[in-house]
Structure formats: C-alpha cells, structure tokens
C-alpha cells in the first residue's frame, strides 16, 4: 500500500498524471486538429496557436528576428477575434496581409518608441486607420510603454477588414531592428 502511494506521489510530481481532458473537442487552449495550417519561412521560427471560445492568438517567435509565416484557416470563417503576438525585442516592420487588405506597422527604436499601424486595400490609394494598435507587454504579460525587452512581446488585434470575405490565408512578415 505504501509503495502505491509513493508511486502515485512520484507520478504527480514528475508530471505524469494529468487532469482528464473533456471527451469532446481539443484540450483547452489548443485548436481543433487541422483548424489551422501554419508554415514558416525559416525552420527555426515558431508559431503557437491558443484558442479560447471564438478567438485565436498566434504567438510568433523568431531567433533571427527576420521572418515570415503563412497561416491558413481550414474553416470558412476566422474566429471573431484574431491576435498576433510577436516575441521580438524591437519591431522595425510588420506586415500582415489577407485577401485585398494589408496591415503594416512599426515601433520606433527612439523618440519615445512611437508605434504606427496602417491598413491599405489593393486597388485603392492611400492608407486608412487600422482601427487597432500595436501594444507592448513585458515578459510577465503586463502592458508597458516602450520596447518589450527580453521575453516580452508586441501584440496586434487584427482588424475585421483583414479577415472579411473568403480570406483563407494570412501572410505575416516581420523584422526586428535588433536582429
């Protein structure tokens, strides 16, 4: 009996015993199998997906600081809220395109780290307000002013226009000015 209790305690401490997952659907926070297809331009770049209700967050990390990813939705529609988190120390440039729209932005490495974000539409002159902004968070996930530093990230909630219509694919490209 004592051996069984000791073995059970060891398995819990070693992380071998996990809470039972619900019988239907994916584990909490994980997208359903095949919900998104993600390809990165460089093998060392990573994109993790977190799903909660009708929102998806794509966590992007890039060792080199320059990269890109293509994210495809297997469904006919994207979740209501789609967020991109770029785990970079600086953001010289980011471009996210889907269908006829392209979102571009940057955060300055000087002058109070001002951020810009614009939305453009193919075939139309000029840019318009994106209706969203680039937010910065520290390694603990707390909002901050300035650059995120080691372990922090930039976050962009994608505007609805970027995901409207029959958009099946998003292209995300980035450059970290500290590369």
Foldseek 3Di string as FASTA:
>chain_A
DVVVVVVVVVCVVVVNDDDDADPDADRQQAHGPPQKDKDKPDPVKDWGWGDDDQEIETEIEDPVQWIKMKMFGPDQFHRPKYKYKYQAQFFQKKWKAWDQKIKMKGFDLDDQRDIDIWMDGPPDDDTDHQVWTKWKAELVRHTDGHTHPHNIIIMIIGHPVRGPDRTGMMMMTTGGPVD
